[in-house]
C-alpha atoms as a PDB file:
ATOM      1  CA  MET A   1     -10.429 -11.423 -40.729  1.00  0.00           C
ATOM      2  CA  THR A   2     -13.320  -8.887 -39.257  1.00  0.00           C
ATOM      3  CA  SER A   3     -11.804  -6.192 -37.026  1.00  0.00           C
ATOM      4  CA  SER A   4     -12.349  -8.227 -33.651  1.00  0.00           C
ATOM      5  CA  PRO A   5     -14.100  -6.066 -30.715  1.00  0.00           C
ATOM      6  CA  ALA A   6     -11.002  -6.321 -28.592  1.00  0.00           C
ATOM      7  CA  LEU A   7      -8.617  -4.022 -30.777  1.00  0.00           C
ATOM      8  CA  PRO A   8      -9.446  -0.903 -29.710  1.00  0.00           C
ATOM      9  CA  ILE A   9      -9.341  -2.083 -25.560  1.00  0.00           C
ATOM     10  CA  LEU A  10      -5.856  -3.299 -26.191  1.00  0.00           C
ATOM     11  CA  GLN A  11      -5.065  -0.395 -28.464  1.00  0.00           C
ATOM     12  CA  ALA A  12      -5.663   2.007 -25.521  1.00  0.00           C
ATOM     13  CA  ALA A  13      -4.318  -0.524 -23.115  1.00  0.00           C
ATOM     14  CA  LEU A  14      -1.018  -0.074 -25.768  1.00  0.00           C
ATOM     15  CA  VAL A  15      -0.642   3.179 -25.386  1.00  0.00           C
ATOM     16  CA  ASP A  16      -1.329   3.797 -21.957  1.00  0.00           C
ATOM     17  CA  LEU A  17       1.323   0.923 -21.353  1.00  0.00           C
ATOM     18  CA  ILE A  18       3.924   3.011 -23.561  1.00  0.00           C
ATOM     19  CA  ASP A  19       3.266   6.214 -21.840  1.00  0.00           C
ATOM     20  CA  LEU A  20       3.967   4.818 -18.537  1.00  0.00           C
ATOM     21  CA  THR A  21       6.857   2.777 -19.669  1.00  0.00           C
ATOM     22  CA  LEU A  22       8.573   6.210 -20.818  1.00  0.00           C
ATOM     23  CA  LEU A  23       7.465   8.071 -17.515  1.00  0.00           C
ATOM     24  CA  ALA A  24       9.141   5.393 -15.780  1.00  0.00           C
ATOM     25  CA  LYS A  25      12.335   6.021 -17.351  1.00  0.00           C
ATOM     26  CA  GLN A  26      12.123   9.689 -17.268  1.00  0.00           C
ATOM     27  CA  ALA A  27      11.778   8.869 -13.636  1.00  0.00           C
ATOM     28  CA  HIS A  28      14.338   6.986 -13.391  1.00  0.00           C
ATOM     29  CA  TRP A  29      16.746   9.239 -14.790  1.00  0.00           C
ATOM     30  CA  ASN A  30      15.633  12.017 -12.442  1.00  0.00           C
ATOM     31  CA  VAL A  31      14.558  10.457  -8.832  1.00  0.00           C
ATOM     32  CA  HIS A  32      17.100  11.871  -5.841  1.00  0.00           C
ATOM     33  CA  GLY A  33      16.695  11.261  -1.985  1.00  0.00           C
ATOM     34  CA  PRO A  34      17.736   9.124   0.531  1.00  0.00           C
ATOM     35  CA  ARG A  35      15.742   6.028  -0.966  1.00  0.00           C
ATOM     36  CA  PHE A  36      17.251   7.433  -4.229  1.00  0.00           C
ATOM     37  CA  ARG A  37      19.177   3.948  -5.203  1.00  0.00           C
ATOM     38  CA  SER A  38      16.296   1.806  -4.225  1.00  0.00           C
ATOM     39  CA  VAL A  39      13.853   3.688  -6.367  1.00  0.00           C
ATOM     40  CA  HIS A  40      16.252   4.124  -9.167  1.00  0.00           C
ATOM     41  CA  LEU A  41      16.364   0.099  -9.640  1.00  0.00           C
ATOM     42  CA  GLU A  42      12.524  -0.188  -9.164  1.00  0.00           C
ATOM     43  CA  LEU A  43      12.003   2.249 -11.658  1.00  0.00           C
ATOM     44  CA  ASP A  44      13.787   0.127 -14.004  1.00  0.00           C
ATOM     45  CA  GLU A  45      12.369  -3.046 -13.058  1.00  0.00           C
ATOM     46  CA  VAL A  46       8.910  -1.876 -13.451  1.00  0.00           C
ATOM     47  CA  GLU A  47       9.745  -0.327 -16.770  1.00  0.00           C
ATOM     48  CA  ALA A  48      10.994  -4.033 -18.175  1.00  0.00           C
ATOM     49  CA  GLU A  49       8.329  -5.761 -16.856  1.00  0.00           C
ATOM     50  CA  LEU A  50       5.710  -2.800 -18.868  1.00  0.00           C
ATOM     51  CA  ARG A  51       7.682  -3.483 -22.065  1.00  0.00           C
ATOM     52  CA  GLU A  52       6.943  -7.138 -21.537  1.00  0.00           C
ATOM     53  CA  ALA A  53       3.343  -6.351 -21.381  1.00  0.00           C
ATOM     54  CA  GLN A  54       2.955  -4.300 -24.233  1.00  0.00           C
ATOM     55  CA  ASP A  55       4.807  -6.381 -26.230  1.00  0.00           C
ATOM     56  CA  LEU A  56       2.002  -9.265 -25.456  1.00  0.00           C
ATOM     57  CA  ILE A  57      -0.733  -6.934 -26.285  1.00  0.00           C
ATOM     58  CA  ALA A  58       1.045  -5.471 -29.561  1.00  0.00           C
ATOM     59  CA  GLU A  59       1.309  -8.929 -30.828  1.00  0.00           C
ATOM     60  CA  ARG A  60      -2.369 -10.256 -29.734  1.00  0.00           C
ATOM     61  CA  MET A  61      -3.041  -7.210 -31.714  1.00  0.00           C
ATOM     62  CA  ALA A  62      -1.301  -8.108 -34.738  1.00  0.00           C
ATOM     63  CA  ALA A  63      -2.424 -12.072 -34.684  1.00  0.00           C
ATOM     64  CA  ILE A  64      -6.119 -10.935 -34.555  1.00  0.00           C
ATOM     65  CA  GLY A  65      -5.613  -8.557 -37.573  1.00  0.00           C
ATOM     66  CA  GLY A  66      -4.970  -5.521 -36.047  1.00  0.00           C
ATOM     67  CA  ASN A  67      -2.091  -2.649 -36.302  1.00  0.00           C
ATOM     68  CA  PRO A  68      -0.666  -1.929 -33.205  1.00  0.00           C
ATOM     69  CA  ASP A  69       0.002   1.837 -33.080  1.00  0.00           C
ATOM     70  CA  GLY A  70       2.779   2.627 -30.914  1.00  0.00           C
ATOM     71  CA  ARG A  71       3.968   5.995 -32.028  1.00  0.00           C
ATOM     72  CA  ALA A  72       4.805   9.189 -30.294  1.00  0.00           C
ATOM     73  CA  VAL A  73       1.819  10.909 -31.977  1.00  0.00           C
ATOM     74  CA  THR A  74      -0.430   8.117 -31.094  1.00  0.00           C
ATOM     75  CA  VAL A  75       0.789   8.136 -27.638  1.00  0.00           C
ATOM     76  CA  GLN A  76       0.777  11.460 -26.716  1.00  0.00           C
ATOM     77  CA  ALA A  77      -2.967  12.034 -28.335  1.00  0.00           C
ATOM     78  CA  THR A  78      -4.530   9.098 -26.646  1.00  0.00           C
ATOM     79  CA  SER A  79      -2.944   8.093 -23.261  1.00  0.00           C
ATOM     80  CA  LYS A  80      -4.779   8.546 -20.308  1.00  0.00           C
ATOM     81  CA  VAL A  81      -1.512   8.431 -18.045  1.00  0.00           C
ATOM     82  CA  ALA A  82      -0.864  11.419 -16.306  1.00  0.00           C
ATOM     83  CA  ASP A  83       2.511  13.227 -17.156  1.00  0.00           C
ATOM     84  CA  ILE A  84       5.174  13.338 -14.530  1.00  0.00           C
ATOM     85  CA  GLY A  85       6.966  16.667 -15.722  1.00  0.00           C
ATOM     86  CA  ALA A  86      10.208  17.290 -16.504  1.00  0.00           C
ATOM     87  CA  GLY A  87      12.857  17.687 -14.091  1.00  0.00           C
ATOM     88  CA  PRO A  88      13.862  16.175 -10.746  1.00  0.00           C
ATOM     89  CA  VAL A  89      11.228  13.952  -8.777  1.00  0.00           C
ATOM     90  CA  THR A  90      12.178  12.888  -5.119  1.00  0.00           C
ATOM     91  CA  ASP A  91      12.009   9.690  -4.282  1.00  0.00           C
ATOM     92  CA  SER A  92       8.646   9.729  -2.409  1.00  0.00           C
ATOM     93  CA  ASP A  93       7.035  11.646  -5.489  1.00  0.00           C
ATOM     94  CA  ALA A  94       8.176   8.843  -7.405  1.00  0.00           C
ATOM     95  CA  VAL A  95       6.854   6.307  -5.387  1.00  0.00           C
ATOM     96  CA  SER A  96       3.333   7.846  -4.831  1.00  0.00           C
ATOM     97  CA  GLN A  97       3.104   8.567  -8.682  1.00  0.00           C
ATOM     98  CA  PHE A  98       3.878   5.466  -9.756  1.00  0.00           C
ATOM     99  CA  ALA A  99       1.668   3.541  -7.301  1.00  0.00           C
ATOM    100  CA  GLU A 100      -1.353   6.011  -8.404  1.00  0.00           C
ATOM    101  CA  ARG A 101      -0.531   5.656 -12.293  1.00  0.00           C
ATOM    102  CA  LEU A 102      -0.111   1.672 -12.148  1.00  0.00           C
ATOM    103  CA  ASP A 103      -2.828   1.081 -10.598  1.00  0.00           C
ATOM    104  CA  GLY A 104      -4.799   3.570 -12.537  1.00  0.00           C
ATOM    105  CA  LEU A 105      -3.798   1.725 -15.596  1.00  0.00           C
ATOM    106  CA  ALA A 106      -4.919  -1.584 -14.000  1.00  0.00           C
ATOM    107  CA  ARG A 107      -8.366  -0.614 -13.432  1.00  0.00           C
ATOM    108  CA  ARG A 108      -9.039   1.031 -16.810  1.00  0.00           C
ATOM    109  CA  ILE A 109      -7.684  -2.295 -18.552  1.00  0.00           C
ATOM    110  CA  GLU A 110     -10.030  -4.028 -15.096  1.00  0.00           C
ATOM    111  CA  ALA A 111     -13.229  -1.794 -16.614  1.00  0.00           C
ATOM    112  CA  GLN A 112     -12.686  -3.601 -19.912  1.00  0.00           C
ATOM    113  CA  VAL A 113     -11.912  -7.038 -19.640  1.00  0.00           C
ATOM    114  CA  GLY A 114     -15.436  -8.115 -19.562  1.00  0.00           C
ATOM    115  CA  ASP A 115     -15.883  -6.423 -23.087  1.00  0.00           C
ATOM    116  CA  LEU A 116     -12.759  -8.937 -24.045  1.00  0.00           C
ATOM    117  CA  ASP A 117     -14.984 -12.174 -23.310  1.00  0.00           C
ATOM    118  CA  VAL A 118     -15.536 -12.692 -27.009  1.00  0.00           C
ATOM    119  CA  ASP A 119     -11.856 -13.059 -27.253  1.00  0.00           C
ATOM    120  CA  PRO A 120     -10.636 -15.123 -24.188  1.00  0.00           C
ATOM    121  CA  ALA A 121      -6.933 -15.057 -25.500  1.00  0.00           C
ATOM    122  CA  SER A 122      -7.063 -11.444 -25.099  1.00  0.00           C
ATOM    123  CA  GLN A 123      -8.937 -11.504 -22.062  1.00  0.00           C
ATOM    124  CA  ASP A 124      -5.833 -13.458 -20.607  1.00  0.00           C
ATOM    125  CA  ILE A 125      -3.428 -11.363 -21.777  1.00  0.00           C
ATOM    126  CA  ALA A 126      -5.842  -8.151 -20.612  1.00  0.00           C
ATOM    127  CA  ILE A 127      -6.040  -9.971 -16.934  1.00  0.00           C
ATOM    128  CA  SER A 128      -2.130 -10.894 -16.867  1.00  0.00           C
ATOM    129  CA  THR A 129      -1.293  -7.008 -17.538  1.00  0.00           C
ATOM    130  CA  ILE A 130      -3.590  -6.119 -14.574  1.00  0.00           C
ATOM    131  CA  GLN A 131      -1.737  -8.831 -12.625  1.00  0.00           C
ATOM    132  CA  VAL A 132       1.641  -7.059 -13.421  1.00  0.00           C
ATOM    133  CA  LEU A 133       0.048  -3.433 -12.952  1.00  0.00           C
ATOM    134  CA  ASP A 134      -1.509  -4.185  -9.604  1.00  0.00           C
ATOM    135  CA  LYS A 135       1.865  -6.417  -8.552  1.00  0.00           C
ATOM    136  CA  ALA A 136       4.293  -3.215  -9.440  1.00  0.00           C
ATOM    137  CA  ALA A 137       1.454  -0.619  -7.912  1.00  0.00           C
ATOM    138  CA  TRP A 138       1.651  -2.751  -4.641  1.00  0.00           C
ATOM    139  CA  MET A 139       5.481  -2.434  -4.395  1.00  0.00           C
ATOM    140  CA  PHE A 140       5.393   1.007  -4.387  1.00  0.00           C
ATOM    141  CA  ARG A 141       2.490   1.270  -2.029  1.00  0.00           C
ATOM    142  CA  ALA A 142       4.264  -0.714   0.282  1.00  0.00           C
ATOM    143  CA  GLN A 143       6.878   1.634   0.359  1.00  0.00           C
ATOM    144  CA  THR A 144       4.531   4.226   1.770  1.00  0.00           C
ATOM    145  CA  ALA A 145       2.879   2.581   4.594  1.00  0.00           C
END
């Protein structure tokens, strides 16, 4: 099988999803404030949704002849997701940071969806990932209105 033009796009989405998943867990462990419980639980829900999305993307890559690379060294070197820092994070900061990062990743994937038209199945997975990210970002943004 020849190398699919979808592979670099899917790989970039994969590392960003992995990084965002790790950041969601980091914030989940360190969130505090008056909305602790609801934000704590929401971060866990988002983390689970992101894990499902990254699994779909990685499995699609393998199915079309790629080798998904989710190693820590690869994620660190190539992720475009902004870090949230170590230590405590207020519930308000967690909400705004995740709304921003989820939306940013959705827009990065969206910008490349047209390049996936040669591979409709990969394009469909990218679109469904955008939907997951958009919904999660909306759920966080709704808390700041």
